[in-house]
Amino acid sequence: MAAITKTRNFKIFRGLSYNYTPCVISSRNLNLQEYHSKDLLRKHQVSIQNFRLLDSNLNPNSLSDFKADEYVVKAQILAGGRGKGHFNNGFKGGVHLTKNPNEILSLAKNMIGHKLITKQTPKEGILVDKVMVAESVNIVRETYLSIIMERTYNGAALVASPAGGMDIEAVAEKTPHLLKTVPIDIHEGITDKMAKEVAEFLEFKGPLVNKCAEEIKKLWQLFLKVDATQLEINPLVETDDGRVVAVDAKINFDDNAQFRQKDIFALDDTSGIDPREKEAAELNLTYIDMDGSIGCMVNGAGLAMATMDLIMLSGGRPANFLDLGGGVGQSQVSAALRILESDPKVKAIFVNVFAGIVNCATVAKGIVAACKETPPKHPLVIRLAGTNAAQAKTILEESGLPFKIINDADEAAKTAVALAQ
């Protein structure tokens, strides 16, 4: 599946299971559908498979001028494994090949308006509202090409390999001679000489060398114009009719450039995202859903991991956690508590904040305001340390609300687990 993603600096993996590496930092993705990625490449004159898009109208006129020897009909959802998936109406497979143009609408009809279930979707699947119909290409060879921002070179670098269509990390480890990295001077860009040398390294021959070189230069222009931090084409293929085609793309964007890439960021597809995660993101908070019974409000990824460790060691499991981050306001804290309580799995909430930039008094005021507006559904265990912790404790105690205020983190975790039983 072609994917376009956007890397943020500090989040936690969405859909995180508890088997984690404590030092792993996360990303929140700019979720663009496959057809968006292809459209973006096409707008910048990069050679791609020709394609059309079908929606619930199933308008046959949209295919009237679309001719190919073979067609690929692909359900558009933000999940992998579509080809081996199945629909809730019994239809098998989210990716189909056909040489008969008269079968396209029938295939699309079995997909659109139905939920596709794959290994990467929720159990109930994801609703398909669009289907991409693309030209199938006969691939002779697959190569790899990416442009990345590389600290080693204090700028951009081009990475290429004639061994495409596979995990590039495995190529680098097992066959490093098949990997070429070329720093790019930001002022000169990718020159004709550089593009040709890379095309030859990718083992294109004859007239395909110049064709590949032109594609490389177009990809560089795309990289610049969309403020990308990574543009990966895997595979960049040679077809049996002598073309060089970008079949699959992954693009990471610089989120600091959102103000001048509004059209791209407006395409963000949040249809498959947990509504609680979406609401949290709108408040500049990070929400992660898990499978236990204890809701966790924390500040910082490290404390989040430590808090979940404490809960697990005490015999419980986290239902979710919500990272307040730094500089959070009272209204955000109130909203955070409401988001945590909206999870039907939650039986108790553990607030564990170690304040530096965050003010404990602000957190306490937010919790009190939320509980006075709507009485808490579940027991709240609160441990606040750091900036204005004493003032925060006073605010909580004087509220008259039935909070469990505990200074020791281990004891607080054990109390939350006991209350969730």
Protein backbone atom coordinates (compact mmCIF):
# COMPACT_ATOMS: atom_id res chain seq x y z
CA MET A 1 0.00 0.00 0.00
CA ALA A 2 1.32 3.39 -0.86
CA ALA A 3 1.48 5.51 2.23
CA ILE A 4 2.18 9.10 3.00
CA THR A 5 3.12 9.76 6.58
CA LYS A 6 4.01 12.73 8.64
CA THR A 7 6.48 12.41 11.50
CA ARG A 8 5.99 14.41 14.65
CA ASN A 9 8.70 14.86 17.23
CA PHE A 10 7.12 13.41 20.35
CA LYS A 11 4.28 10.98 20.56
CA ILE A 12 3.68 7.31 21.31
CA PHE A 13 2.82 4.61 18.79
CA ARG A 14 -0.90 4.43 18.04
CA GLY A 15 -2.19 0.94 18.71
CA LEU A 16 0.75 0.25 21.02
CA SER A 17 0.67 -3.16 22.67
CA TYR A 18 2.25 -3.46 26.06
CA ASN A 19 5.25 -5.38 24.70
CA TYR A 20 7.31 -2.29 24.05
CA THR A 21 10.88 -1.09 24.13
CA PRO A 22 10.90 1.63 26.80
CA CYS A 23 13.05 4.03 24.79
CA VAL A 24 10.89 3.89 21.66
CA ILE A 25 9.41 7.25 20.71
CA SER A 26 6.29 7.45 18.63
CA SER A 27 4.77 9.22 15.70
CA ARG A 28 1.38 10.52 14.82
CA ASN A 29 0.90 10.08 11.12
CA LEU A 30 -0.56 12.40 8.54
CA ASN A 31 -2.90 9.81 7.11
CA LEU A 32 -3.32 10.12 3.34
CA GLN A 33 -4.91 7.46 1.21
CA GLU A 34 -2.98 5.65 -1.50
CA TYR A 35 -4.69 7.55 -4.30
CA HIS A 36 -3.61 10.83 -2.68
CA SER A 37 0.02 9.75 -2.86
CA LYS A 38 -0.30 8.80 -6.50
CA ASP A 39 -2.05 12.06 -7.28
CA LEU A 40 0.73 14.01 -5.58
CA LEU A 41 3.37 12.19 -7.64
CA ARG A 42 1.39 12.73 -10.83
CA LYS A 43 1.03 16.47 -10.17
CA HIS A 44 4.81 16.66 -10.09
CA GLN A 45 5.18 14.74 -13.38
CA VAL A 46 6.57 11.59 -11.77
CA SER A 47 5.70 8.51 -13.85
CA ILE A 48 3.07 6.39 -12.09
CA GLN A 49 0.41 3.87 -13.04
CA ASN A 50 -2.59 5.53 -14.60
CA PHE A 51 -5.61 5.30 -12.29
CA ARG A 52 -9.20 6.36 -11.66
CA LEU A 53 -11.25 6.64 -8.49
CA LEU A 54 -14.71 5.23 -7.81
CA ASP A 55 -16.97 6.26 -4.93
CA SER A 56 -20.48 5.27 -3.82
CA ASN A 57 -21.96 6.74 -7.02
CA LEU A 58 -20.18 4.01 -9.04
CA ASN A 59 -20.27 6.28 -12.07
CA PRO A 60 -19.27 4.22 -15.15
CA ASN A 61 -18.42 7.42 -17.03
CA SER A 62 -15.37 7.87 -14.83
CA LEU A 63 -13.89 4.79 -16.53
CA SER A 64 -15.03 5.50 -20.09
CA ASP A 65 -11.65 6.82 -21.25
CA PHE A 66 -9.56 4.50 -19.09
CA LYS A 67 -8.09 1.66 -21.13
CA ALA A 68 -5.55 -0.91 -19.94
CA ASP A 69 -4.60 -4.50 -20.70
CA GLU A 70 -5.23 -5.38 -17.07
CA TYR A 71 -6.73 -3.48 -14.14
CA VAL A 72 -6.00 -3.48 -10.41
CA VAL A 73 -9.07 -2.76 -8.28
CA LYS A 74 -8.01 -1.71 -4.77
CA ALA A 75 -10.09 -0.78 -1.73
CA GLN A 76 -8.84 2.46 -0.19
CA ILE A 77 -8.36 2.17 3.56
CA LEU A 78 -5.50 3.06 5.87
CA ALA A 79 -4.34 -0.48 6.58
CA GLY A 80 -2.08 -3.09 5.05
CA GLY A 81 -2.97 -6.65 4.09
CA ARG A 82 -5.88 -5.60 1.91
CA GLY A 83 -5.32 -8.32 -0.69
CA LYS A 84 -5.74 -11.08 1.91
CA GLY A 85 -8.56 -9.37 3.78
CA HIS A 86 -12.30 -9.99 3.64
CA PHE A 87 -15.42 -7.86 3.82
CA ASN A 88 -18.28 -8.03 6.31
CA ASN A 89 -20.58 -8.98 3.40
CA GLY A 90 -18.54 -12.13 2.73
CA PHE A 91 -16.62 -10.77 -0.28
CA LYS A 92 -13.01 -11.92 -0.29
CA GLY A 93 -10.01 -9.66 -0.94
CA GLY A 94 -9.58 -5.91 -1.05
CA VAL A 95 -7.33 -6.09 -4.13
CA HIS A 96 -8.41 -7.74 -7.38
CA LEU A 97 -6.94 -8.09 -10.86
CA THR A 98 -9.12 -8.25 -13.96
CA LYS A 99 -8.64 -7.94 -17.71
CA ASN A 100 -12.36 -7.43 -18.25
CA PRO A 101 -13.38 -3.76 -17.85
CA ASN A 102 -16.99 -4.87 -17.42
CA GLU A 103 -16.09 -6.53 -14.11
CA ILE A 104 -14.70 -3.38 -12.49
CA LEU A 105 -17.99 -1.88 -11.28
CA SER A 106 -19.14 -5.23 -9.93
CA LEU A 107 -15.92 -5.65 -7.95
CA ALA A 108 -16.15 -2.09 -6.65
CA LYS A 109 -19.79 -2.57 -5.65
CA ASN A 110 -18.79 -5.47 -3.41
CA MET A 111 -16.25 -3.23 -1.64
CA ILE A 112 -17.78 0.24 -1.35
CA GLY A 113 -20.12 0.66 1.59
CA HIS A 114 -18.78 -2.46 3.31
CA LYS A 115 -16.13 -2.96 6.00
CA LEU A 116 -12.82 -4.51 5.03
CA ILE A 117 -11.19 -6.64 7.71
CA THR A 118 -7.44 -7.30 7.60
CA LYS A 119 -4.73 -8.15 10.12
CA GLN A 120 -4.11 -4.43 10.57
CA THR A 121 -7.70 -3.21 11.03
CA PRO A 122 -9.90 -3.30 14.13
CA LYS A 123 -11.89 -6.51 14.50
CA GLU A 124 -14.96 -4.90 12.99
CA GLY A 125 -12.96 -3.66 9.98
CA ILE A 126 -12.82 -0.25 8.28
CA LEU A 127 -15.56 1.10 6.03
CA VAL A 128 -14.55 1.43 2.38
CA ASP A 129 -15.96 4.50 0.66
CA LYS A 130 -13.56 4.70 -2.29
CA VAL A 131 -11.94 2.22 -4.67
CA MET A 132 -8.94 2.95 -6.85
CA VAL A 133 -8.80 1.37 -10.29
CA ALA A 134 -5.24 1.39 -11.59
CA GLU A 135 -3.41 0.19 -14.64
CA SER A 136 -1.58 -3.06 -13.94
CA VAL A 137 2.05 -3.02 -15.05
CA ASN A 138 4.26 -5.98 -15.94
CA ILE A 139 7.38 -5.55 -13.83
CA VAL A 140 10.75 -6.65 -15.18
CA ARG A 141 12.86 -5.34 -12.28
CA GLU A 142 12.32 -3.59 -8.95
CA THR A 143 14.72 -0.98 -7.56
CA TYR A 144 14.78 1.27 -4.50
CA LEU A 145 15.18 5.04 -4.37
CA SER A 146 14.74 7.53 -1.56
CA ILE A 147 15.64 11.10 -0.70
CA ILE A 148 16.04 11.81 2.99
CA MET A 149 17.24 14.49 5.36
CA GLU A 150 20.45 13.02 6.77
CA ARG A 151 22.21 14.50 9.82
CA THR A 152 25.52 12.99 8.72
CA TYR A 153 25.52 15.29 5.69
CA ASN A 154 23.76 18.22 7.36
CA GLY A 155 21.14 18.07 4.65
CA ALA A 156 19.55 15.87 2.04
CA ALA A 157 20.94 12.61 0.69
CA LEU A 158 19.90 10.22 -2.05
CA VAL A 159 19.80 6.52 -1.19
CA ALA A 160 19.56 3.96 -3.99
CA SER A 161 19.66 0.20 -4.42
CA PRO A 162 19.08 -2.15 -7.38
CA ALA A 163 17.49 -4.53 -4.84
CA GLY A 164 14.05 -2.96 -4.56
CA GLY A 165 10.70 -4.27 -3.41
CA MET A 166 12.11 -5.46 -0.08
CA ASP A 167 13.09 -4.14 3.33
CA ILE A 168 15.93 -1.71 2.64
CA GLU A 169 17.33 -2.23 6.16
CA ALA A 170 17.83 -5.91 5.32
CA VAL A 171 19.61 -4.94 2.11
CA ALA A 172 21.93 -2.62 4.03
CA GLU A 173 22.74 -5.36 6.56
CA LYS A 174 23.17 -8.36 4.26
CA THR A 175 24.35 -6.80 0.97
CA PRO A 176 25.76 -3.33 1.74
CA HIS A 177 27.48 -3.21 -1.67
CA LEU A 178 23.98 -2.92 -3.18
CA LEU A 179 23.34 0.37 -1.36
CA LYS A 180 24.57 3.74 -2.54
CA THR A 181 24.22 7.00 -0.57
CA VAL A 182 24.95 10.33 -2.23
CA PRO A 183 24.84 13.67 -0.36
CA ILE A 184 22.90 16.41 -2.16
CA ASP A 185 24.10 20.01 -2.17
CA ILE A 186 20.98 22.03 -1.39
CA HIS A 187 22.09 24.79 -3.77
CA GLU A 188 23.04 22.55 -6.71
CA GLY A 189 20.37 19.92 -6.15
CA ILE A 190 20.50 16.65 -8.06
CA THR A 191 22.61 17.33 -11.14
CA ASP A 192 22.34 15.53 -14.48
CA LYS A 193 25.63 13.75 -13.74
CA MET A 194 24.49 12.58 -10.31
CA ALA A 195 21.11 11.41 -11.59
CA LYS A 196 22.75 9.44 -14.43
CA GLU A 197 25.29 7.81 -12.10
CA VAL A 198 22.51 6.71 -9.75
CA ALA A 199 20.43 5.37 -12.65
CA GLU A 200 23.41 3.30 -13.80
CA PHE A 201 23.95 2.03 -10.24
CA LEU A 202 20.30 0.94 -10.29
CA GLU A 203 21.28 -1.16 -13.34
CA PHE A 204 19.07 0.55 -15.88
CA LYS A 205 20.43 0.06 -19.39
CA GLY A 206 20.34 1.89 -22.71
CA PRO A 207 17.61 4.54 -23.07
CA LEU A 208 16.23 3.62 -19.63
CA VAL A 209 19.24 5.28 -18.00
CA ASN A 210 18.11 8.73 -19.11
CA LYS A 211 14.48 7.92 -18.31
CA CYS A 212 15.41 6.93 -14.78
CA ALA A 213 17.64 10.01 -14.40
CA GLU A 214 14.71 12.25 -15.34
CA GLU A 215 12.49 10.54 -12.76
CA ILE A 216 15.15 11.07 -10.09
CA LYS A 217 15.31 14.80 -10.85
CA LYS A 218 11.51 15.07 -10.76
CA LEU A 219 11.44 13.35 -7.38
CA TRP A 220 13.98 15.86 -6.08
CA GLN A 221 11.74 18.73 -7.17
CA LEU A 222 8.78 17.07 -5.45
CA PHE A 223 10.88 16.64 -2.29
CA LEU A 224 11.64 20.35 -2.26
CA LYS A 225 8.19 21.66 -3.19
CA VAL A 226 6.25 19.72 -0.56
CA ASP A 227 8.75 20.29 2.29
CA ALA A 228 9.44 16.58 2.62
CA THR A 229 11.85 15.07 5.12
CA GLN A 230 11.72 11.69 3.38
CA LEU A 231 10.53 10.58 -0.05
CA GLU A 232 10.81 6.84 -0.56
CA ILE A 233 9.93 4.98 -3.77
CA ASN A 234 9.91 1.25 -3.20
CA PRO A 235 9.76 -0.11 -5.76
CA LEU A 236 10.83 2.09 -8.64
CA VAL A 237 10.30 -0.41 -11.46
CA GLU A 238 11.32 -1.19 -15.00
CA THR A 239 8.34 -2.43 -17.02
CA ASP A 240 8.26 -4.79 -19.99
CA ASP A 241 7.24 -1.92 -22.28
CA GLY A 242 10.32 0.16 -21.43
CA ARG A 243 9.02 2.51 -18.75
CA VAL A 244 10.37 3.59 -15.36
CA VAL A 245 7.44 3.76 -12.96
CA ALA A 246 7.06 4.71 -9.28
CA VAL A 247 4.74 1.97 -8.01
CA ASP A 248 4.72 2.66 -4.28
CA ALA A 249 5.55 5.82 -2.33
CA LYS A 250 6.07 6.95 1.23
CA ILE A 251 6.49 10.64 2.02
CA ASN A 252 7.25 12.23 5.38
CA PHE A 253 6.50 15.92 5.72
CA ASP A 254 8.07 18.61 7.86
CA ASP A 255 5.24 19.60 10.19
CA ASN A 256 6.87 23.00 10.69
CA ALA A 257 5.96 23.69 7.06
CA GLN A 258 2.25 22.99 7.56
CA PHE A 259 1.47 26.68 7.10
CA ARG A 260 2.61 26.54 3.45
CA GLN A 261 1.45 22.97 2.72
CA LYS A 262 -2.17 23.52 3.74
CA ASP A 263 -3.59 21.64 0.75
CA ILE A 264 -1.64 18.51 1.66
CA PHE A 265 -2.39 18.64 5.37
CA ALA A 266 -6.07 19.21 4.62
CA LEU A 267 -6.14 15.71 3.07
CA ASP A 268 -5.50 14.05 6.45
CA ASP A 269 -7.88 11.09 6.71
CA THR A 270 -8.98 10.58 10.31
CA SER A 271 -11.86 8.20 9.53
CA GLY A 272 -10.03 5.18 10.92
CA ILE A 273 -8.78 6.90 14.07
CA ASP A 274 -10.27 6.35 17.52
CA PRO A 275 -12.53 9.39 18.23
CA ARG A 276 -10.83 9.82 21.61
CA GLU A 277 -7.42 9.99 19.94
CA LYS A 278 -8.75 12.48 17.42
CA GLU A 279 -10.25 14.71 20.12
CA ALA A 280 -7.03 14.57 22.13
CA ALA A 281 -4.94 15.52 19.10
CA GLU A 282 -7.16 18.56 18.51
CA LEU A 283 -6.27 19.65 22.06
CA ASN A 284 -2.53 19.03 21.47
CA LEU A 285 -2.68 15.97 23.72
CA THR A 286 -1.72 12.38 22.97
CA TYR A 287 -4.16 9.55 23.64
CA ILE A 288 -3.26 5.88 23.27
CA ASP A 289 -5.85 3.12 23.60
CA MET A 290 -4.87 -0.16 25.25
CA ASP A 291 -6.66 -3.24 26.56
CA GLY A 292 -6.69 -3.02 30.37
CA SER A 293 -8.95 -1.37 32.96
CA ILE A 294 -6.92 1.56 34.35
CA GLY A 295 -6.93 4.94 32.65
CA CYS A 296 -3.64 6.84 32.97
CA MET A 297 -3.06 10.60 32.85
CA VAL A 298 0.66 11.41 32.65
CA ASN A 299 3.07 14.00 31.32
CA GLY A 300 5.87 12.77 29.09
CA ALA A 301 6.59 9.51 27.27
CA GLY A 302 9.12 8.30 29.85
CA LEU A 303 6.71 8.74 32.74
CA ALA A 304 3.98 7.08 30.68
CA MET A 305 6.13 3.97 30.24
CA ALA A 306 7.13 3.95 33.91
CA THR A 307 3.50 4.36 35.00
CA MET A 308 2.41 1.41 32.87
CA ASP A 309 5.27 -0.65 34.32
CA LEU A 310 4.07 0.15 37.84
CA ILE A 311 0.51 -0.85 36.97
CA MET A 312 1.66 -4.12 35.40
CA LEU A 313 3.95 -4.94 38.33
CA SER A 314 0.99 -4.32 40.67
CA GLY A 315 -1.13 -6.86 38.81
CA GLY A 316 -3.18 -4.53 36.61
CA ARG A 317 -3.24 -3.43 32.99
CA PRO A 318 -3.59 0.06 31.53
CA ALA A 319 -6.78 0.73 29.56
CA ASN A 320 -5.23 3.77 27.93
CA PHE A 321 -2.98 6.67 28.68
CA LEU A 322 -3.19 10.35 27.92
CA ASP A 323 0.00 12.39 27.74
CA LEU A 324 -0.55 16.02 28.78
CA GLY A 325 2.83 17.08 27.41
CA GLY A 326 4.24 20.45 28.48
CA GLY A 327 2.51 23.79 28.92
CA VAL A 328 -0.92 22.25 29.35
CA GLY A 329 -3.79 24.49 30.51
CA GLN A 330 -6.62 23.86 32.97
CA SER A 331 -9.24 23.34 30.25
CA GLN A 332 -7.04 20.77 28.54
CA VAL A 333 -6.67 18.83 31.79
CA SER A 334 -10.44 18.83 32.25
CA ALA A 335 -10.93 17.60 28.70
CA ALA A 336 -8.24 14.95 29.21
CA LEU A 337 -10.07 13.52 32.21
CA ARG A 338 -13.34 13.42 30.29
CA ILE A 339 -11.63 11.61 27.38
CA LEU A 340 -10.17 8.99 29.73
CA GLU A 341 -13.54 8.41 31.40
CA SER A 342 -15.28 7.96 28.05
CA ASP A 343 -13.41 4.68 27.53
CA PRO A 344 -15.85 1.90 28.53
CA LYS A 345 -12.95 -0.34 29.62
CA VAL A 346 -11.88 2.06 32.37
CA LYS A 347 -12.68 1.11 35.99
CA ALA A 348 -10.22 3.44 37.75
CA ILE A 349 -8.02 6.39 36.77
CA PHE A 350 -4.43 6.94 37.85
CA VAL A 351 -3.12 10.51 37.48
CA ASN A 352 0.68 10.45 37.71
CA VAL A 353 2.32 13.79 36.99
CA PHE A 354 5.88 14.87 37.68
CA ALA A 355 5.79 18.59 37.02
CA GLY A 356 8.59 20.64 35.58
CA ILE A 357 7.14 22.81 32.85
CA VAL A 358 3.70 21.51 33.79
CA ASN A 359 2.23 23.12 36.90
CA CYS A 360 0.74 20.70 39.45
CA ALA A 361 -1.73 23.39 40.56
CA THR A 362 -3.00 23.71 36.98
CA VAL A 363 -3.49 19.94 36.78
CA ALA A 364 -5.32 19.91 40.12
CA LYS A 365 -7.61 22.79 39.11
CA GLY A 366 -8.43 21.05 35.82
CA ILE A 367 -9.33 17.80 37.58
CA VAL A 368 -11.50 19.57 40.16
CA ALA A 369 -13.28 21.63 37.50
CA ALA A 370 -14.05 18.53 35.42
CA CYS A 371 -15.33 16.56 38.43
CA LYS A 372 -17.54 19.40 39.63
CA GLU A 373 -19.05 19.81 36.20
CA THR A 374 -19.62 16.07 35.79
CA PRO A 375 -19.24 13.81 38.83
CA PRO A 376 -16.51 11.20 38.19
CA LYS A 377 -17.70 7.77 37.08
CA HIS A 378 -14.66 5.99 38.46
CA PRO A 379 -12.26 6.24 41.43
CA LEU A 380 -9.39 8.69 40.90
CA VAL A 381 -5.94 8.02 42.32
CA ILE A 382 -3.78 11.13 42.09
CA ARG A 383 -0.04 11.46 42.53
CA LEU A 384 1.38 14.92 41.79
CA ALA A 385 5.06 15.81 42.30
CA GLY A 386 7.20 18.75 41.28
CA THR A 387 6.20 22.35 40.60
CA ASN A 388 3.57 23.57 43.09
CA ALA A 389 2.78 20.04 44.30
CA ALA A 390 1.87 21.27 47.81
CA GLN A 391 -0.52 23.88 46.43
CA ALA A 392 -2.07 21.25 44.18
CA LYS A 393 -2.64 18.91 47.12
CA THR A 394 -4.43 21.72 48.97
CA ILE A 395 -6.67 22.38 45.97
CA LEU A 396 -7.62 18.72 45.73
CA GLU A 397 -8.25 18.32 49.46
CA GLU A 398 -10.34 21.49 49.74
CA SER A 399 -12.53 20.46 46.80
CA GLY A 400 -14.36 17.95 48.98
CA LEU A 401 -14.23 15.40 46.17
CA PRO A 402 -13.39 11.75 46.95
CA PHE A 403 -9.90 11.64 45.46
CA LYS A 404 -7.22 9.18 46.57
CA ILE A 405 -4.21 11.49 46.95
CA ILE A 406 -1.02 9.44 47.34
CA ASN A 407 2.56 10.72 47.20
CA ASP A 408 4.32 7.39 46.66
CA ALA A 409 4.13 6.19 43.04
CA ASP A 410 4.27 2.46 43.90
CA GLU A 411 1.52 2.77 46.48
CA ALA A 412 -0.58 4.87 44.10
CA ALA A 413 -0.29 2.24 41.35
CA LYS A 414 -1.26 -0.57 43.74
CA THR A 415 -4.26 1.46 44.94
CA ALA A 416 -5.43 2.09 41.36
CA VAL A 417 -5.15 -1.62 40.56
CA ALA A 418 -7.13 -2.57 43.68
CA LEU A 419 -9.88 -0.06 42.85
CA ALA A 420 -10.16 -1.40 39.30
CA GLN A 421 -10.89 -4.95 40.47
